[in-house]
Amino acid sequence: MAYINFIPFFIAQESQDAMQLKIWDASTWDGQSGFTTVCDMEMSYFDDDGNLVEFDTYPLISGGDASKYNEYLDRDGHIINLTDLTIGGLPVGFERFPEGYYNISLFYSDGSYAEGSFPHYDNPTAFLAKYRFMARRLPIDLLTFPLTEEVYLKNREIFLLRMYLQNCEDAADYGKHIEFMKYLAIIRQIFDHYTTQEPW
Protein backbone atom coordinates (compact mmCIF):
# COMPACT_ATOMS: atom_id res chain seq x y z
CA MET A 1 0.00 0.00 0.00
CA ALA A 2 1.10 3.59 -0.57
CA TYR A 3 2.39 5.84 2.18
CA ILE A 4 -0.26 7.68 4.19
CA ASN A 5 0.25 11.31 5.21
CA PHE A 6 3.91 11.18 4.13
CA ILE A 7 5.59 14.53 3.44
CA PRO A 8 9.19 13.93 2.34
CA PHE A 9 11.83 16.39 3.48
CA PHE A 10 15.53 16.19 4.31
CA ILE A 11 18.46 18.43 5.16
CA ALA A 12 21.76 18.36 3.28
CA GLN A 13 25.05 19.80 4.51
CA GLU A 14 28.45 19.92 2.85
CA SER A 15 31.40 19.33 5.18
CA GLN A 16 33.83 22.19 5.84
CA ASP A 17 36.59 20.37 3.94
CA ALA A 18 34.29 19.77 0.93
CA MET A 19 34.99 16.02 1.00
CA GLN A 20 31.70 14.83 2.48
CA LEU A 21 27.98 15.39 2.35
CA LYS A 22 25.66 14.68 5.28
CA ILE A 23 21.95 14.11 4.81
CA TRP A 24 19.36 13.55 7.49
CA ASP A 25 15.65 13.03 7.48
CA ALA A 26 13.16 15.73 8.44
CA SER A 27 10.11 14.14 6.77
CA THR A 28 6.64 13.88 8.21
CA TRP A 29 5.93 10.17 8.58
CA ASP A 30 2.81 8.39 9.78
CA GLY A 31 4.77 5.57 11.39
CA GLN A 32 5.67 4.11 7.98
CA SER A 33 9.35 4.89 7.57
CA GLY A 34 10.13 1.22 8.24
CA PHE A 35 8.05 0.12 5.24
CA THR A 36 10.47 1.78 2.83
CA THR A 37 12.21 -0.59 0.42
CA VAL A 38 13.72 2.03 -1.91
CA CYS A 39 15.44 5.27 -0.97
CA ASP A 40 17.68 6.64 -3.72
CA MET A 41 19.65 9.87 -3.79
CA GLU A 42 20.16 11.66 -7.08
CA MET A 43 22.54 14.62 -7.20
CA SER A 44 23.74 17.04 -9.86
CA TYR A 45 25.51 20.39 -10.10
CA PHE A 46 26.33 23.05 -12.65
CA ASP A 47 30.01 23.40 -13.51
CA ASP A 48 31.78 26.71 -14.27
CA ASP A 49 30.69 26.53 -17.92
CA GLY A 50 27.02 26.08 -16.98
CA ASN A 51 26.97 22.39 -17.89
CA LEU A 52 24.87 20.05 -15.76
CA VAL A 53 26.99 17.29 -14.20
CA GLU A 54 24.99 14.34 -12.87
CA PHE A 55 26.28 11.88 -10.30
CA ASP A 56 25.16 8.27 -10.49
CA THR A 57 22.24 7.27 -8.27
CA TYR A 58 23.33 6.60 -4.69
CA PRO A 59 21.04 4.03 -3.03
CA LEU A 60 20.47 4.24 0.71
CA ILE A 61 18.90 0.77 0.58
CA SER A 62 20.77 -1.81 -1.45
CA GLY A 63 20.16 -5.56 -1.66
CA GLY A 64 18.07 -5.50 1.49
CA ASP A 65 20.77 -3.65 3.43
CA ALA A 66 19.10 -0.61 5.00
CA SER A 67 21.96 0.48 7.26
CA LYS A 68 22.56 3.73 5.32
CA TYR A 69 18.84 4.46 5.31
CA ASN A 70 18.64 3.88 9.07
CA GLU A 71 21.54 6.29 9.59
CA TYR A 72 19.72 8.80 7.40
CA LEU A 73 16.61 8.49 9.60
CA ASP A 74 18.70 9.04 12.73
CA ARG A 75 19.24 12.61 13.93
CA ASP A 76 23.01 12.25 13.34
CA GLY A 77 22.32 11.57 9.67
CA HIS A 78 24.19 9.61 7.00
CA ILE A 79 27.59 10.80 5.77
CA ILE A 80 28.46 10.31 2.10
CA ASN A 81 32.12 10.59 1.17
CA LEU A 82 32.88 12.09 -2.22
CA THR A 83 34.86 8.92 -2.92
CA ASP A 84 31.60 6.91 -2.54
CA LEU A 85 30.10 8.71 -5.55
CA THR A 86 30.58 8.01 -9.24
CA ILE A 87 29.79 9.72 -12.54
CA GLY A 88 29.02 7.44 -15.46
CA GLY A 89 30.21 4.47 -13.43
CA LEU A 90 33.66 5.99 -12.87
CA PRO A 91 35.29 7.80 -9.92
CA VAL A 92 34.31 11.47 -9.89
CA GLY A 93 37.78 12.71 -10.84
CA PHE A 94 38.09 15.44 -8.20
CA GLU A 95 39.11 15.31 -4.55
CA ARG A 96 36.59 17.82 -3.20
CA PHE A 97 33.12 18.96 -4.16
CA PRO A 98 33.45 21.89 -6.57
CA GLU A 99 31.87 25.17 -5.55
CA GLY A 100 28.48 25.50 -7.13
CA TYR A 101 24.73 25.11 -7.28
CA TYR A 102 23.69 21.55 -6.42
CA ASN A 103 20.36 19.80 -6.58
CA ILE A 104 19.97 16.79 -4.30
CA SER A 105 16.84 14.66 -4.52
CA LEU A 106 15.65 11.66 -2.53
CA PHE A 107 13.13 9.19 -3.95
CA TYR A 108 11.18 6.84 -1.69
CA SER A 109 9.05 3.76 -2.23
CA ASP A 110 7.43 1.07 -0.12
CA GLY A 111 7.13 -1.17 -3.18
CA SER A 112 3.66 0.04 -4.20
CA TYR A 113 4.70 2.85 -6.58
CA ALA A 114 5.32 2.55 -10.29
CA GLU A 115 8.72 3.63 -11.58
CA GLY A 116 8.65 7.39 -12.14
CA SER A 117 5.94 8.04 -9.56
CA PHE A 118 7.98 7.68 -6.36
CA PRO A 119 7.38 10.32 -3.68
CA HIS A 120 10.42 12.59 -3.63
CA TYR A 121 11.89 15.81 -2.35
CA ASP A 122 14.20 18.11 -4.32
CA ASN A 123 16.69 20.06 -2.25
CA PRO A 124 18.65 22.76 -4.14
CA THR A 125 21.63 23.90 -2.12
CA ALA A 126 24.89 25.83 -2.37
CA PHE A 127 28.23 24.10 -1.91
CA LEU A 128 30.59 26.90 -0.89
CA ALA A 129 32.96 25.33 1.65
CA LYS A 130 36.12 26.56 -0.09
CA TYR A 131 34.89 30.13 -0.50
CA ARG A 132 33.67 30.25 3.11
CA PHE A 133 37.14 29.19 4.22
CA MET A 134 38.81 31.77 1.96
CA ALA A 135 36.51 34.51 3.26
CA ARG A 136 37.54 33.70 6.83
CA ARG A 137 41.20 34.05 5.83
CA LEU A 138 40.85 37.48 4.22
CA PRO A 139 40.89 39.61 7.43
CA ILE A 140 44.16 37.99 8.51
CA ASP A 141 45.81 38.85 5.22
CA LEU A 142 44.44 42.38 4.73
CA LEU A 143 43.67 44.21 7.95
CA THR A 144 45.86 46.34 10.15
CA PHE A 145 45.19 48.72 13.02
CA PRO A 146 44.70 51.65 13.38
CA LEU A 147 42.25 51.81 10.49
CA THR A 148 43.28 53.91 7.54
CA GLU A 149 40.84 54.82 4.78
CA GLU A 150 42.34 52.05 2.63
CA VAL A 151 41.97 49.45 5.38
CA TYR A 152 38.42 50.66 6.06
CA LEU A 153 37.50 50.07 2.40
CA LYS A 154 39.00 46.59 2.54
CA ASN A 155 37.03 45.93 5.70
CA ARG A 156 33.83 46.97 3.94
CA GLU A 157 34.61 44.70 0.98
CA ILE A 158 35.12 41.75 3.33
CA PHE A 159 31.76 42.51 4.92
CA LEU A 160 30.13 42.63 1.48
CA LEU A 161 31.82 39.38 0.49
CA ARG A 162 30.25 37.60 3.45
CA MET A 163 26.89 39.13 2.56
CA TYR A 164 27.25 37.90 -1.04
CA LEU A 165 28.07 34.39 0.23
CA GLN A 166 24.89 34.46 2.31
CA ASN A 167 22.90 35.76 -0.66
CA CYS A 168 24.38 32.99 -2.79
CA GLU A 169 23.21 30.35 -0.31
CA ASP A 170 19.78 31.95 -0.04
CA ALA A 171 19.42 31.97 -3.85
CA ALA A 172 20.22 28.24 -3.97
CA ASP A 173 17.79 27.47 -1.15
CA TYR A 174 15.02 29.11 -3.18
CA GLY A 175 16.03 27.36 -6.41
CA LYS A 176 17.17 30.58 -8.13
CA HIS A 177 20.05 29.25 -10.22
CA ILE A 178 20.61 32.37 -12.35
CA GLU A 179 20.67 34.62 -9.28
CA PHE A 180 23.08 32.20 -7.59
CA MET A 181 25.48 32.37 -10.55
CA LYS A 182 25.45 36.19 -10.52
CA TYR A 183 26.45 36.29 -6.87
CA LEU A 184 29.06 33.59 -7.45
CA ALA A 185 30.64 35.66 -10.23
CA ILE A 186 30.97 38.68 -7.90
CA ILE A 187 32.48 36.51 -5.16
CA ARG A 188 35.08 35.15 -7.57
CA GLN A 189 35.97 38.66 -8.73
CA ILE A 190 36.65 39.72 -5.14
CA PHE A 191 38.90 36.71 -4.52
CA ASP A 192 40.70 37.33 -7.81
CA HIS A 193 41.22 40.98 -6.89
CA TYR A 194 42.93 40.03 -3.64
CA THR A 195 44.71 37.01 -5.19
CA THR A 196 43.47 34.98 -2.24
CA GLN A 197 45.42 31.80 -1.58
CA GLU A 198 43.59 28.55 -2.29
CA PRO A 199 42.91 26.62 0.95
CA TRP A 200 43.55 23.20 -0.63
C-alpha atoms as a PDB file:
ATOM      1  CA  MET A   1       0.000   0.000   0.000  1.00  0.00           C
ATOM      2  CA  ALA A   2       1.099   3.586  -0.565  1.00  0.00           C
ATOM      3  CA  TYR A   3       2.393   5.842   2.179  1.00  0.00           C
ATOM      4  CA  ILE A   4      -0.256   7.675   4.192  1.00  0.00           C
ATOM      5  CA  ASN A   5       0.253  11.315   5.206  1.00  0.00           C
ATOM      6  CA  PHE A   6       3.905  11.176   4.133  1.00  0.00           C
ATOM      7  CA  ILE A   7       5.586  14.527   3.444  1.00  0.00           C
ATOM      8  CA  PRO A   8       9.192  13.930   2.338  1.00  0.00           C
ATOM      9  CA  PHE A   9      11.835  16.388   3.475  1.00  0.00           C
ATOM     10  CA  PHE A  10      15.528  16.193   4.309  1.00  0.00           C
ATOM     11  CA  ILE A  11      18.456  18.434   5.156  1.00  0.00           C
ATOM     12  CA  ALA A  12      21.765  18.357   3.282  1.00  0.00           C
ATOM     13  CA  GLN A  13      25.048  19.805   4.507  1.00  0.00           C
ATOM     14  CA  GLU A  14      28.447  19.918   2.851  1.00  0.00           C
ATOM     15  CA  SER A  15      31.403  19.331   5.176  1.00  0.00           C
ATOM     16  CA  GLN A  16      33.830  22.186   5.843  1.00  0.00           C
ATOM     17  CA  ASP A  17      36.595  20.374   3.941  1.00  0.00           C
ATOM     18  CA  ALA A  18      34.293  19.774   0.926  1.00  0.00           C
ATOM     19  CA  MET A  19      34.993  16.025   1.000  1.00  0.00           C
ATOM     20  CA  GLN A  20      31.705  14.828   2.481  1.00  0.00           C
ATOM     21  CA  LEU A  21      27.978  15.393   2.353  1.00  0.00           C
ATOM     22  CA  LYS A  22      25.664  14.683   5.277  1.00  0.00           C
ATOM     23  CA  ILE A  23      21.946  14.107   4.811  1.00  0.00           C
ATOM     24  CA  TRP A  24      19.355  13.554   7.494  1.00  0.00           C
ATOM     25  CA  ASP A  25      15.650  13.034   7.483  1.00  0.00           C
ATOM     26  CA  ALA A  26      13.156  15.726   8.443  1.00  0.00           C
ATOM     27  CA  SER A  27      10.113  14.145   6.775  1.00  0.00           C
ATOM     28  CA  THR A  28       6.639  13.882   8.212  1.00  0.00           C
ATOM     29  CA  TRP A  29       5.927  10.173   8.580  1.00  0.00           C
ATOM     30  CA  ASP A  30       2.812   8.387   9.784  1.00  0.00           C
ATOM     31  CA  GLY A  31       4.775   5.570  11.390  1.00  0.00           C
ATOM     32  CA  GLN A  32       5.667   4.114   7.981  1.00  0.00           C
ATOM     33  CA  SER A  33       9.350   4.890   7.570  1.00  0.00           C
ATOM     34  CA  GLY A  34      10.131   1.222   8.245  1.00  0.00           C
ATOM     35  CA  PHE A  35       8.048   0.123   5.241  1.00  0.00           C
ATOM     36  CA  THR A  36      10.470   1.783   2.828  1.00  0.00           C
ATOM     37  CA  THR A  37      12.214  -0.592   0.418  1.00  0.00           C
ATOM     38  CA  VAL A  38      13.724   2.033  -1.912  1.00  0.00           C
ATOM     39  CA  CYS A  39      15.444   5.273  -0.965  1.00  0.00           C
ATOM     40  CA  ASP A  40      17.681   6.641  -3.717  1.00  0.00           C
ATOM     41  CA  MET A  41      19.650   9.866  -3.792  1.00  0.00           C
ATOM     42  CA  GLU A  42      20.162  11.664  -7.083  1.00  0.00           C
ATOM     43  CA  MET A  43      22.536  14.621  -7.196  1.00  0.00           C
ATOM     44  CA  SER A  44      23.741  17.040  -9.856  1.00  0.00           C
ATOM     45  CA  TYR A  45      25.509  20.390 -10.100  1.00  0.00           C
ATOM     46  CA  PHE A  46      26.329  23.055 -12.653  1.00  0.00           C
ATOM     47  CA  ASP A  47      30.014  23.400 -13.509  1.00  0.00           C
ATOM     48  CA  ASP A  48      31.777  26.711 -14.266  1.00  0.00           C
ATOM     49  CA  ASP A  49      30.686  26.531 -17.918  1.00  0.00           C
ATOM     50  CA  GLY A  50      27.022  26.083 -16.977  1.00  0.00           C
ATOM     51  CA  ASN A  51      26.966  22.387 -17.892  1.00  0.00           C
ATOM     52  CA  LEU A  52      24.868  20.055 -15.755  1.00  0.00           C
ATOM     53  CA  VAL A  53      26.988  17.289 -14.202  1.00  0.00           C
ATOM     54  CA  GLU A  54      24.989  14.338 -12.868  1.00  0.00           C
ATOM     55  CA  PHE A  55      26.279  11.882 -10.296  1.00  0.00           C
ATOM     56  CA  ASP A  56      25.158   8.268 -10.494  1.00  0.00           C
ATOM     57  CA  THR A  57      22.242   7.267  -8.272  1.00  0.00           C
ATOM     58  CA  TYR A  58      23.330   6.603  -4.693  1.00  0.00           C
ATOM     59  CA  PRO A  59      21.039   4.025  -3.025  1.00  0.00           C
ATOM     60  CA  LEU A  60      20.470   4.237   0.712  1.00  0.00           C
ATOM     61  CA  ILE A  61      18.898   0.772   0.582  1.00  0.00           C
ATOM     62  CA  SER A  62      20.765  -1.815  -1.447  1.00  0.00           C
ATOM     63  CA  GLY A  63      20.164  -5.559  -1.658  1.00  0.00           C
ATOM     64  CA  GLY A  64      18.069  -5.505   1.493  1.00  0.00           C
ATOM     65  CA  ASP A  65      20.774  -3.645   3.431  1.00  0.00           C
ATOM     66  CA  ALA A  66      19.095  -0.608   4.998  1.00  0.00           C
ATOM     67  CA  SER A  67      21.965   0.483   7.257  1.00  0.00           C
ATOM     68  CA  LYS A  68      22.559   3.728   5.323  1.00  0.00           C
ATOM     69  CA  TYR A  69      18.844   4.457   5.312  1.00  0.00           C
ATOM     70  CA  ASN A  70      18.637   3.876   9.069  1.00  0.00           C
ATOM     71  CA  GLU A  71      21.542   6.290   9.587  1.00  0.00           C
ATOM     72  CA  TYR A  72      19.717   8.805   7.401  1.00  0.00           C
ATOM     73  CA  LEU A  73      16.613   8.488   9.598  1.00  0.00           C
ATOM     74  CA  ASP A  74      18.705   9.039  12.725  1.00  0.00           C
ATOM     75  CA  ARG A  75      19.239  12.609  13.926  1.00  0.00           C
ATOM     76  CA  ASP A  76      23.008  12.250  13.336  1.00  0.00           C
ATOM     77  CA  GLY A  77      22.322  11.572   9.671  1.00  0.00           C
ATOM     78  CA  HIS A  78      24.189   9.608   6.998  1.00  0.00           C
ATOM     79  CA  ILE A  79      27.586  10.795   5.769  1.00  0.00           C
ATOM     80  CA  ILE A  80      28.456  10.314   2.099  1.00  0.00           C
ATOM     81  CA  ASN A  81      32.124  10.586   1.170  1.00  0.00           C
ATOM     82  CA  LEU A  82      32.883  12.093  -2.218  1.00  0.00           C
ATOM     83  CA  THR A  83      34.858   8.918  -2.922  1.00  0.00           C
ATOM     84  CA  ASP A  84      31.604   6.911  -2.538  1.00  0.00           C
ATOM     85  CA  LEU A  85      30.102   8.707  -5.551  1.00  0.00           C
ATOM     86  CA  THR A  86      30.577   8.013  -9.245  1.00  0.00           C
ATOM     87  CA  ILE A  87      29.787   9.723 -12.537  1.00  0.00           C
ATOM     88  CA  GLY A  88      29.024   7.439 -15.460  1.00  0.00           C
ATOM     89  CA  GLY A  89      30.205   4.467 -13.429  1.00  0.00           C
ATOM     90  CA  LEU A  90      33.655   5.993 -12.867  1.00  0.00           C
ATOM     91  CA  PRO A  91      35.285   7.801  -9.918  1.00  0.00           C
ATOM     92  CA  VAL A  92      34.310  11.470  -9.888  1.00  0.00           C
ATOM     93  CA  GLY A  93      37.777  12.714 -10.842  1.00  0.00           C
ATOM     94  CA  PHE A  94      38.087  15.440  -8.200  1.00  0.00           C
ATOM     95  CA  GLU A  95      39.111  15.310  -4.549  1.00  0.00           C
ATOM     96  CA  ARG A  96      36.585  17.819  -3.202  1.00  0.00           C
ATOM     97  CA  PHE A  97      33.118  18.957  -4.156  1.00  0.00           C
ATOM     98  CA  PRO A  98      33.454  21.888  -6.573  1.00  0.00           C
ATOM     99  CA  GLU A  99      31.869  25.172  -5.553  1.00  0.00           C
ATOM    100  CA  GLY A 100      28.475  25.497  -7.126  1.00  0.00           C
ATOM    101  CA  TYR A 101      24.726  25.106  -7.277  1.00  0.00           C
ATOM    102  CA  TYR A 102      23.688  21.545  -6.425  1.00  0.00           C
ATOM    103  CA  ASN A 103      20.360  19.802  -6.579  1.00  0.00           C
ATOM    104  CA  ILE A 104      19.973  16.791  -4.298  1.00  0.00           C
ATOM    105  CA  SER A 105      16.844  14.656  -4.518  1.00  0.00           C
ATOM    106  CA  LEU A 106      15.645  11.661  -2.533  1.00  0.00           C
ATOM    107  CA  PHE A 107      13.127   9.187  -3.952  1.00  0.00           C
ATOM    108  CA  TYR A 108      11.182   6.843  -1.689  1.00  0.00           C
ATOM    109  CA  SER A 109       9.049   3.760  -2.229  1.00  0.00           C
ATOM    110  CA  ASP A 110       7.431   1.074  -0.120  1.00  0.00           C
ATOM    111  CA  GLY A 111       7.127  -1.167  -3.177  1.00  0.00           C
ATOM    112  CA  SER A 112       3.664   0.035  -4.200  1.00  0.00           C
ATOM    113  CA  TYR A 113       4.702   2.851  -6.577  1.00  0.00           C
ATOM    114  CA  ALA A 114       5.323   2.546 -10.289  1.00  0.00           C
ATOM    115  CA  GLU A 115       8.719   3.634 -11.579  1.00  0.00           C
ATOM    116  CA  GLY A 116       8.645   7.390 -12.136  1.00  0.00           C
ATOM    117  CA  SER A 117       5.938   8.045  -9.564  1.00  0.00           C
ATOM    118  CA  PHE A 118       7.979   7.682  -6.357  1.00  0.00           C
ATOM    119  CA  PRO A 119       7.375  10.325  -3.683  1.00  0.00           C
ATOM    120  CA  HIS A 120      10.425  12.590  -3.634  1.00  0.00           C
ATOM    121  CA  TYR A 121      11.888  15.809  -2.345  1.00  0.00           C
ATOM    122  CA  ASP A 122      14.203  18.111  -4.319  1.00  0.00           C
ATOM    123  CA  ASN A 123      16.690  20.057  -2.247  1.00  0.00           C
ATOM    124  CA  PRO A 124      18.653  22.760  -4.142  1.00  0.00           C
ATOM    125  CA  THR A 125      21.632  23.897  -2.117  1.00  0.00           C
ATOM    126  CA  ALA A 126      24.893  25.827  -2.368  1.00  0.00           C
ATOM    127  CA  PHE A 127      28.231  24.095  -1.909  1.00  0.00           C
ATOM    128  CA  LEU A 128      30.588  26.904  -0.894  1.00  0.00           C
ATOM    129  CA  ALA A 129      32.957  25.329   1.650  1.00  0.00           C
ATOM    130  CA  LYS A 130      36.122  26.559  -0.094  1.00  0.00           C
ATOM    131  CA  TYR A 131      34.888  30.132  -0.497  1.00  0.00           C
ATOM    132  CA  ARG A 132      33.668  30.252   3.106  1.00  0.00           C
ATOM    133  CA  PHE A 133      37.136  29.186   4.221  1.00  0.00           C
ATOM    134  CA  MET A 134      38.812  31.768   1.961  1.00  0.00           C
ATOM    135  CA  ALA A 135      36.510  34.510   3.263  1.00  0.00           C
ATOM    136  CA  ARG A 136      37.543  33.704   6.834  1.00  0.00           C
ATOM    137  CA  ARG A 137      41.196  34.047   5.832  1.00  0.00           C
ATOM    138  CA  LEU A 138      40.853  37.478   4.223  1.00  0.00           C
ATOM    139  CA  PRO A 139      40.888  39.607   7.430  1.00  0.00           C
ATOM    140  CA  ILE A 140      44.161  37.989   8.513  1.00  0.00           C
ATOM    141  CA  ASP A 141      45.808  38.854   5.219  1.00  0.00           C
ATOM    142  CA  LEU A 142      44.444  42.384   4.731  1.00  0.00           C
ATOM    143  CA  LEU A 143      43.666  44.209   7.951  1.00  0.00           C
ATOM    144  CA  THR A 144      45.861  46.343  10.154  1.00  0.00           C
ATOM    145  CA  PHE A 145      45.192  48.722  13.021  1.00  0.00           C
ATOM    146  CA  PRO A 146      44.700  51.646  13.376  1.00  0.00           C
ATOM    147  CA  LEU A 147      42.253  51.810  10.489  1.00  0.00           C
ATOM    148  CA  THR A 148      43.279  53.908   7.537  1.00  0.00           C
ATOM    149  CA  GLU A 149      40.844  54.817   4.777  1.00  0.00           C
ATOM    150  CA  GLU A 150      42.340  52.050   2.630  1.00  0.00           C
ATOM    151  CA  VAL A 151      41.967  49.452   5.383  1.00  0.00           C
ATOM    152  CA  TYR A 152      38.423  50.659   6.059  1.00  0.00           C
ATOM    153  CA  LEU A 153      37.496  50.070   2.405  1.00  0.00           C
ATOM    154  CA  LYS A 154      38.997  46.588   2.541  1.00  0.00           C
ATOM    155  CA  ASN A 155      37.029  45.928   5.702  1.00  0.00           C
ATOM    156  CA  ARG A 156      33.830  46.973   3.937  1.00  0.00           C
ATOM    157  CA  GLU A 157      34.609  44.700   0.984  1.00  0.00           C
ATOM    158  CA  ILE A 158      35.122  41.751   3.327  1.00  0.00           C
ATOM    159  CA  PHE A 159      31.756  42.507   4.919  1.00  0.00           C
ATOM    160  CA  LEU A 160      30.131  42.634   1.482  1.00  0.00           C
ATOM    161  CA  LEU A 161      31.820  39.384   0.493  1.00  0.00           C
ATOM    162  CA  ARG A 162      30.247  37.604   3.450  1.00  0.00           C
ATOM    163  CA  MET A 163      26.888  39.127   2.562  1.00  0.00           C
ATOM    164  CA  TYR A 164      27.246  37.897  -1.038  1.00  0.00           C
ATOM    165  CA  LEU A 165      28.069  34.393   0.226  1.00  0.00           C
ATOM    166  CA  GLN A 166      24.891  34.463   2.314  1.00  0.00           C
ATOM    167  CA  ASN A 167      22.898  35.762  -0.659  1.00  0.00           C
ATOM    168  CA  CYS A 168      24.384  32.986  -2.790  1.00  0.00           C
ATOM    169  CA  GLU A 169      23.208  30.347  -0.310  1.00  0.00           C
ATOM    170  CA  ASP A 170      19.778  31.947  -0.044  1.00  0.00           C
ATOM    171  CA  ALA A 171      19.419  31.967  -3.854  1.00  0.00           C
ATOM    172  CA  ALA A 172      20.222  28.242  -3.973  1.00  0.00           C
ATOM    173  CA  ASP A 173      17.791  27.471  -1.152  1.00  0.00           C
ATOM    174  CA  TYR A 174      15.017  29.105  -3.178  1.00  0.00           C
ATOM    175  CA  GLY A 175      16.026  27.361  -6.406  1.00  0.00           C
ATOM    176  CA  LYS A 176      17.172  30.580  -8.128  1.00  0.00           C
ATOM    177  CA  HIS A 177      20.049  29.255 -10.219  1.00  0.00           C
ATOM    178  CA  ILE A 178      20.607  32.372 -12.351  1.00  0.00           C
ATOM    179  CA  GLU A 179      20.669  34.623  -9.277  1.00  0.00           C
ATOM    180  CA  PHE A 180      23.077  32.195  -7.593  1.00  0.00           C
ATOM    181  CA  MET A 181      25.476  32.367 -10.554  1.00  0.00           C
ATOM    182  CA  LYS A 182      25.447  36.192 -10.521  1.00  0.00           C
ATOM    183  CA  TYR A 183      26.455  36.289  -6.866  1.00  0.00           C
ATOM    184  CA  LEU A 184      29.058  33.589  -7.452  1.00  0.00           C
ATOM    185  CA  ALA A 185      30.637  35.659 -10.232  1.00  0.00           C
ATOM    186  CA  ILE A 186      30.966  38.681  -7.900  1.00  0.00           C
ATOM    187  CA  ILE A 187      32.478  36.508  -5.161  1.00  0.00           C
ATOM    188  CA  ARG A 188      35.084  35.148  -7.565  1.00  0.00           C
ATOM    189  CA  GLN A 189      35.966  38.664  -8.730  1.00  0.00           C
ATOM    190  CA  ILE A 190      36.646  39.716  -5.138  1.00  0.00           C
ATOM    191  CA  PHE A 191      38.898  36.714  -4.520  1.00  0.00           C
ATOM    192  CA  ASP A 192      40.704  37.328  -7.815  1.00  0.00           C
ATOM    193  CA  HIS A 193      41.217  40.985  -6.892  1.00  0.00           C
ATOM    194  CA  TYR A 194      42.931  40.032  -3.644  1.00  0.00           C
ATOM    195  CA  THR A 195      44.715  37.013  -5.186  1.00  0.00           C
ATOM    196  CA  THR A 196      43.474  34.981  -2.240  1.00  0.00           C
ATOM    197  CA  GLN A 197      45.418  31.796  -1.582  1.00  0.00           C
ATOM    198  CA  GLU A 198      43.590  28.547  -2.290  1.00  0.00           C
ATOM    199  CA  PRO A 199      42.914  26.623   0.946  1.00  0.00           C
ATOM    200  CA  TRP A 200      43.546  23.202  -0.629  1.00  0.00           C
END
